[in-house]
Amino acid sequence: MLDLIESHGVDTTDPDSAVQPDWVVPGLLAAGERVIFSGPGGVGKSTLERQVAVAVASGIHPFTAEPIPRQRTLLVDAQEDEDQAASELVRPIRAAGDRYERGNCRLVLAPSIVPDTEDLDEDDDLGEIVLGNLLRICDEHEPTLIALGPLYRMAELLGIQGEIGEPGPARALQRWLDQLRKRSGAALVLEGHGGHGQKRVLGTVWWVNWPNFGYDLNRSGTITRWREDRDRINQRAFPARLHKGEDGDWPWVAARSAQAREIDERRAVIEVAVRDTGKTSDRAIAEATGIPRTTVQRNRRENLEWWEALLLELDLNEE
């Protein structure tokens, strides 16, 4: 067993060593994982789903806007018609700007994968036909992330009878989604309706334990986690709160924490002191700003790229 663990790159003498996931979005989502965004109708879940698909296809972290490795994504819209679906993608594509690579995020509409029921024979399995059609697209496009939803609409298109909050329909839809995930190898980003005081997919506990991550989005932009991280080692950096972006920005923007704002403010004070005095030692900055010396040192160390750029701009050497 020890040989098996070490063959996967784990240093058994280092307590911090662990096998890294096959990241689709570093620190957020790995290949084959499932995340569900739930919330009341009209809150912006579909918008968030589109944003994730376009951002990841553009090599942009969907919440921090930091550069990440560009991925191929598939956006399966089970609800909108072609004109509406295309118009909803205009804003995130504009936000991505020249980082968006045409064709990297492929839009799939329900009519292209769901046959007309009049064309089916009595023995045909609608779910298998839709799955096969979608997997053929996956073979062509090779996505590492599939955004799909809403879940209740997918269940209708697959011919699953009953409410997806009930055990039978829930299990049937989950089996179909797991087949898609396993056979495509992609991460799934899903949209499910919530509400009525339940911060999870509307219905019952049948959905609580299925995804790797589950988050409820409310109208104020607050995100509440209703499914604890399964990966206890590689904890995921989903934001705690989003707010609506300005015109030209992403539809949803992660709100900065009070701690992050404090770091930005402290860094601005340090920069003013260095520009005014021309001194770069921890002691000199601490005396000029009143910020504890150890805090100055930590701030510089944790923001090394900013610090080096400042020294280069001012033609200063580190003391």
Protein backbone atom coordinates (compact mmCIF):
# COMPACT_ATOMS: atom_id res chain seq x y z
CA MET A 1 0.00 0.00 0.00
CA LEU A 2 2.84 2.40 0.83
CA ASP A 3 4.42 1.77 -2.59
CA LEU A 4 1.08 2.53 -4.24
CA ILE A 5 0.72 5.83 -2.37
CA GLU A 6 4.28 6.94 -3.17
CA SER A 7 3.83 6.00 -6.84
CA HIS A 8 1.14 8.70 -7.01
CA GLY A 9 3.62 11.39 -6.00
CA VAL A 10 2.83 11.58 -2.30
CA ASP A 11 5.83 12.17 -0.02
CA THR A 12 4.91 10.09 3.01
CA THR A 13 7.51 11.94 5.11
CA ASP A 14 5.86 15.30 4.37
CA PRO A 15 2.50 15.85 6.15
CA ASP A 16 1.61 18.58 3.62
CA SER A 17 2.17 16.37 0.58
CA ALA A 18 -0.95 15.22 -1.28
CA VAL A 19 -1.96 14.12 -4.73
CA GLN A 20 -3.06 17.21 -6.68
CA PRO A 21 -6.37 16.96 -8.54
CA ASP A 22 -6.54 17.21 -12.30
CA TRP A 23 -7.60 20.85 -12.17
CA VAL A 24 -10.03 22.37 -14.63
CA VAL A 25 -10.11 25.59 -12.61
CA PRO A 26 -7.12 25.60 -10.22
CA GLY A 27 -8.22 25.58 -6.61
CA LEU A 28 -11.89 25.44 -7.56
CA LEU A 29 -12.97 22.50 -9.72
CA ALA A 30 -11.28 19.31 -10.92
CA ALA A 31 -12.04 16.92 -13.78
CA GLY A 32 -15.03 14.67 -13.10
CA GLU A 33 -16.37 16.73 -10.20
CA ARG A 34 -19.96 17.94 -9.89
CA VAL A 35 -21.10 21.30 -8.55
CA ILE A 36 -24.72 22.44 -8.30
CA PHE A 37 -25.77 26.08 -7.99
CA SER A 38 -29.26 26.30 -6.55
CA GLY A 39 -31.55 29.21 -5.72
CA PRO A 40 -34.94 30.76 -6.48
CA GLY A 41 -36.03 31.27 -10.07
CA GLY A 42 -34.66 34.43 -11.67
CA VAL A 43 -31.82 34.89 -9.18
CA GLY A 44 -29.11 34.52 -11.85
CA LYS A 45 -28.07 30.85 -11.73
CA SER A 46 -28.14 30.42 -15.50
CA THR A 47 -26.17 33.64 -15.88
CA LEU A 48 -23.56 32.33 -13.47
CA GLU A 49 -23.40 29.03 -15.33
CA ARG A 50 -22.78 30.81 -18.65
CA GLN A 51 -20.14 32.97 -17.03
CA VAL A 52 -18.25 29.92 -15.76
CA ALA A 53 -18.36 28.25 -19.18
CA VAL A 54 -17.16 31.33 -21.10
CA ALA A 55 -14.52 32.36 -18.54
CA VAL A 56 -12.93 28.92 -18.31
CA ALA A 57 -12.92 28.67 -22.12
CA SER A 58 -11.10 32.02 -22.17
CA GLY A 59 -8.45 31.05 -19.65
CA ILE A 60 -9.96 33.27 -16.96
CA HIS A 61 -10.86 32.26 -13.41
CA PRO A 62 -14.66 32.76 -13.26
CA PHE A 63 -14.57 34.53 -9.88
CA THR A 64 -11.15 36.18 -9.51
CA ALA A 65 -10.51 36.97 -13.22
CA GLU A 66 -6.94 35.67 -12.76
CA PRO A 67 -5.34 33.88 -15.75
CA ILE A 68 -5.75 30.09 -15.74
CA PRO A 69 -5.01 27.43 -18.36
CA ARG A 70 -7.57 27.73 -21.16
CA GLN A 71 -10.03 24.83 -21.40
CA ARG A 72 -12.66 23.65 -23.86
CA THR A 73 -16.16 23.92 -22.43
CA LEU A 74 -19.65 22.83 -23.44
CA LEU A 75 -22.74 24.83 -22.53
CA VAL A 76 -25.90 22.72 -22.77
CA ASP A 77 -28.89 25.07 -22.62
CA ALA A 78 -32.00 22.99 -22.01
CA GLN A 79 -34.31 25.98 -21.69
CA GLU A 80 -33.72 28.83 -24.16
CA ASP A 81 -34.25 29.02 -27.91
CA GLU A 82 -31.34 29.79 -30.23
CA ASP A 83 -31.77 33.58 -30.34
CA GLN A 84 -32.22 33.94 -26.59
CA ALA A 85 -29.34 31.59 -25.76
CA ALA A 86 -27.00 33.43 -28.12
CA SER A 87 -27.99 36.86 -26.77
CA GLU A 88 -27.34 35.71 -23.19
CA LEU A 89 -23.74 34.89 -24.15
CA VAL A 90 -22.96 38.35 -25.50
CA ARG A 91 -22.11 39.92 -22.14
CA PRO A 92 -19.70 37.25 -20.82
CA ILE A 93 -17.97 37.03 -24.20
CA ARG A 94 -17.51 40.82 -24.23
CA ALA A 95 -16.19 40.69 -20.67
CA ALA A 96 -13.61 38.12 -21.72
CA GLY A 97 -12.47 40.45 -24.51
CA ASP A 98 -9.59 39.31 -26.68
CA ARG A 99 -8.91 36.41 -24.30
CA TYR A 100 -12.01 34.65 -25.62
CA GLU A 101 -11.11 32.13 -28.30
CA ARG A 102 -13.94 31.62 -30.77
CA GLY A 103 -15.32 28.08 -30.65
CA ASN A 104 -13.69 27.18 -27.35
CA CYS A 105 -17.06 27.37 -25.59
CA ARG A 106 -19.58 25.40 -27.64
CA LEU A 107 -23.29 26.04 -27.21
CA VAL A 108 -25.60 23.02 -27.46
CA LEU A 109 -29.37 23.52 -27.59
CA ALA A 110 -31.91 20.86 -26.68
CA PRO A 111 -33.31 20.31 -30.22
CA SER A 112 -29.85 19.28 -31.45
CA ILE A 113 -29.62 16.34 -29.03
CA VAL A 114 -33.24 15.46 -28.19
CA PRO A 115 -35.17 13.66 -30.95
CA ASP A 116 -38.83 14.28 -31.67
CA THR A 117 -40.81 11.71 -29.68
CA GLU A 118 -42.88 10.97 -32.80
CA ASP A 119 -39.73 9.55 -34.40
CA LEU A 120 -39.09 7.08 -31.57
CA ASP A 121 -40.03 3.42 -31.53
CA GLU A 122 -41.70 1.94 -28.50
CA ASP A 123 -38.50 0.22 -27.34
CA ASP A 124 -36.24 3.26 -27.78
CA ASP A 125 -34.58 4.60 -24.64
CA LEU A 126 -34.80 8.40 -24.87
CA GLY A 127 -32.16 8.93 -22.18
CA GLU A 128 -29.64 6.72 -23.98
CA ILE A 129 -30.30 8.45 -27.29
CA VAL A 130 -29.76 11.93 -25.79
CA LEU A 131 -26.65 10.71 -23.96
CA GLY A 132 -25.24 9.21 -27.14
CA ASN A 133 -25.89 12.42 -29.11
CA LEU A 134 -24.23 14.53 -26.42
CA LEU A 135 -21.23 12.20 -26.12
CA ARG A 136 -20.70 12.41 -29.88
CA ILE A 137 -20.42 16.17 -29.49
CA CYS A 138 -18.02 15.61 -26.59
CA ASP A 139 -15.88 13.38 -28.81
CA GLU A 140 -15.67 16.19 -31.37
CA HIS A 141 -15.15 19.09 -28.94
CA GLU A 142 -13.30 17.32 -26.07
CA PRO A 143 -14.59 19.55 -23.25
CA THR A 144 -13.12 19.43 -19.77
CA LEU A 145 -16.15 21.26 -18.35
CA ILE A 146 -19.83 20.84 -19.19
CA ALA A 147 -22.34 23.42 -17.91
CA LEU A 148 -25.88 22.08 -18.08
CA GLY A 149 -29.31 22.94 -16.84
CA PRO A 150 -31.70 23.59 -15.42
CA LEU A 151 -32.00 20.11 -13.92
CA TYR A 152 -35.79 19.94 -13.91
CA ARG A 153 -35.84 20.80 -17.61
CA MET A 154 -33.21 18.15 -18.40
CA ALA A 155 -35.36 15.56 -16.62
CA GLU A 156 -38.33 16.54 -18.80
CA LEU A 157 -36.28 16.30 -21.99
CA LEU A 158 -35.01 12.86 -20.96
CA GLY A 159 -38.55 11.62 -20.40
CA ILE A 160 -38.07 11.14 -16.65
CA GLN A 161 -41.51 11.07 -15.07
CA GLY A 162 -42.28 12.82 -11.78
CA GLU A 163 -40.65 15.53 -9.70
CA ILE A 164 -36.84 15.41 -9.45
CA GLY A 165 -37.14 16.02 -5.70
CA GLU A 166 -38.63 12.55 -5.36
CA PRO A 167 -36.27 9.56 -4.96
CA GLY A 168 -37.11 7.72 -8.20
CA PRO A 169 -36.77 10.65 -10.63
CA ALA A 170 -33.79 12.03 -8.68
CA ARG A 171 -31.90 8.73 -8.94
CA ALA A 172 -32.72 8.40 -12.64
CA LEU A 173 -31.40 11.87 -13.45
CA GLN A 174 -28.30 11.36 -11.28
CA ARG A 175 -27.51 8.08 -13.06
CA TRP A 176 -27.77 9.85 -16.43
CA LEU A 177 -25.52 12.70 -15.28
CA ASP A 178 -22.98 10.28 -13.83
CA GLN A 179 -22.84 8.44 -17.16
CA LEU A 180 -22.19 11.75 -18.92
CA ARG A 181 -19.50 12.68 -16.40
CA LYS A 182 -17.70 9.35 -16.43
CA ARG A 183 -17.78 8.82 -20.19
CA SER A 184 -16.77 12.40 -21.05
CA GLY A 185 -14.29 12.86 -18.18
CA ALA A 186 -15.52 16.44 -17.77
CA ALA A 187 -16.46 18.41 -14.68
CA LEU A 188 -20.18 19.19 -14.46
CA VAL A 189 -21.55 22.62 -13.51
CA LEU A 190 -25.28 22.27 -12.91
CA GLU A 191 -28.22 24.50 -12.11
CA GLY A 192 -31.02 23.42 -9.80
CA HIS A 193 -34.00 25.31 -8.45
CA GLY A 194 -34.13 25.98 -4.73
CA GLY A 195 -36.28 28.06 -2.46
CA HIS A 196 -38.97 27.67 0.16
CA GLY A 197 -36.27 28.06 2.82
CA GLN A 198 -34.25 25.12 1.46
CA LYS A 199 -30.69 26.02 0.54
CA ARG A 200 -30.28 23.06 -1.77
CA VAL A 201 -31.91 21.70 -4.90
CA LEU A 202 -35.63 22.05 -4.38
CA GLY A 203 -37.20 18.85 -3.15
CA THR A 204 -35.63 16.60 -0.57
CA VAL A 205 -32.38 15.18 0.78
CA TRP A 206 -32.00 13.05 -2.35
CA TRP A 207 -29.74 15.70 -3.87
CA VAL A 208 -27.75 16.67 -0.78
CA ASN A 209 -25.14 13.91 -0.89
CA TRP A 210 -24.80 13.52 -4.65
CA PRO A 211 -22.64 16.44 -5.88
CA ASN A 212 -19.09 17.17 -4.79
CA PHE A 213 -20.15 20.73 -3.99
CA GLY A 214 -23.49 22.46 -3.59
CA TYR A 215 -24.05 26.22 -3.27
CA ASP A 216 -27.21 28.28 -2.90
CA LEU A 217 -27.30 31.72 -4.50
CA ASN A 218 -29.80 34.26 -3.18
CA ARG A 219 -30.94 37.58 -4.62
CA SER A 220 -28.43 39.60 -2.60
CA GLY A 221 -25.54 37.57 -4.04
CA THR A 222 -24.76 35.66 -0.87
CA ILE A 223 -23.57 32.10 -1.50
CA THR A 224 -24.40 29.47 1.11
CA ARG A 225 -22.74 26.07 0.96
CA TRP A 226 -25.18 23.22 1.49
CA ARG A 227 -22.86 20.38 0.45
CA GLU A 228 -19.61 20.16 2.40
CA ASP A 229 -16.40 19.67 0.41
CA ARG A 230 -15.65 15.99 -0.16
CA ASP A 231 -11.98 16.79 -0.69
CA ARG A 232 -10.74 17.54 2.82
CA ILE A 233 -7.16 18.17 1.66
CA ASN A 234 -7.68 20.47 -1.34
CA GLN A 235 -10.28 22.89 0.01
CA ARG A 236 -12.00 24.92 -2.70
CA ALA A 237 -12.00 28.70 -2.99
CA PHE A 238 -15.61 29.40 -3.92
CA PRO A 239 -16.49 33.00 -3.02
CA ALA A 240 -18.75 33.71 -0.07
CA ARG A 241 -20.52 36.53 -1.85
CA LEU A 242 -21.06 37.84 -5.37
CA HIS A 243 -22.37 41.16 -6.61
CA LYS A 244 -23.73 42.27 -9.97
CA GLY A 245 -20.96 43.54 -12.23
CA GLU A 246 -20.93 46.96 -13.88
CA ASP A 247 -21.58 47.39 -17.61
CA GLY A 248 -18.74 45.79 -19.53
CA ASP A 249 -17.78 43.60 -16.58
CA TRP A 250 -18.71 40.00 -15.85
CA PRO A 251 -22.37 39.55 -14.83
CA TRP A 252 -21.31 38.25 -11.40
CA VAL A 253 -18.22 39.54 -9.59
CA ALA A 254 -16.80 38.10 -6.38
CA ALA A 255 -17.06 40.57 -3.50
CA ARG A 256 -13.74 41.15 -1.78
CA SER A 257 -13.56 40.20 1.87
CA ALA A 258 -12.84 42.72 4.61
CA GLN A 259 -9.43 41.08 5.04
CA ALA A 260 -8.62 41.48 1.34
CA ARG A 261 -9.65 45.14 1.43
CA GLU A 262 -7.47 45.69 4.49
CA ILE A 263 -4.46 44.17 2.69
CA ASP A 264 -5.06 46.46 -0.31
CA GLU A 265 -5.28 49.52 1.92
CA ARG A 266 -2.11 48.59 3.81
CA ARG A 267 -0.25 48.01 0.57
CA ALA A 268 -1.32 51.45 -0.69
CA VAL A 269 0.02 53.09 2.50
CA ILE A 270 3.36 51.28 2.14
CA GLU A 271 3.63 52.34 -1.50
CA VAL A 272 3.06 56.02 -0.62
CA ALA A 273 5.75 55.83 2.07
CA VAL A 274 8.30 54.29 -0.31
CA ARG A 275 7.54 56.88 -3.00
CA ASP A 276 7.83 59.76 -0.51
CA THR A 277 10.96 58.64 1.34
CA GLY A 278 12.81 56.51 -1.18
CA LYS A 279 13.54 54.07 1.63
CA THR A 280 12.76 50.38 1.28
CA SER A 281 13.81 48.72 4.56
CA ASP A 282 11.17 47.21 6.84
CA ARG A 283 12.31 49.50 9.67
CA ALA A 284 12.08 52.68 7.56
CA ILE A 285 8.64 51.79 6.21
CA ALA A 286 7.37 50.87 9.67
CA GLU A 287 8.57 54.21 11.08
CA ALA A 288 7.00 56.16 8.21
CA THR A 289 3.63 54.40 8.28
CA GLY A 290 3.14 53.22 11.85
CA ILE A 291 2.54 49.69 10.53
CA PRO A 292 4.30 47.03 12.64
CA ARG A 293 7.61 45.94 11.13
CA THR A 294 6.61 42.27 10.99
CA THR A 295 3.41 43.23 9.15
CA VAL A 296 5.40 45.23 6.59
CA GLN A 297 7.70 42.27 6.08
CA ARG A 298 4.80 39.84 5.63
CA ASN A 299 2.98 42.20 3.25
CA ARG A 300 6.02 42.49 1.01
CA ARG A 301 6.67 38.75 1.07
CA GLU A 302 3.08 37.86 0.21
CA ASN A 303 2.88 40.49 -2.57
CA LEU A 304 6.29 39.95 -4.09
CA GLU A 305 5.29 40.70 -7.68
CA TRP A 306 3.85 44.09 -6.68
CA TRP A 307 6.91 44.89 -4.54
CA GLU A 308 9.42 44.07 -7.27
CA ALA A 309 7.44 46.11 -9.83
CA LEU A 310 7.43 49.10 -7.44
CA LEU A 311 11.21 48.93 -6.90
CA LEU A 312 11.76 48.67 -10.65
CA GLU A 313 9.49 51.65 -11.38
CA LEU A 314 11.28 53.83 -8.79
CA ASP A 315 14.74 52.50 -9.67
CA LEU A 316 15.33 51.52 -6.03
CA ASN A 317 17.20 48.64 -4.47
CA GLU A 318 15.91 46.59 -1.55
CA GLU A 319 17.72 47.60 1.63
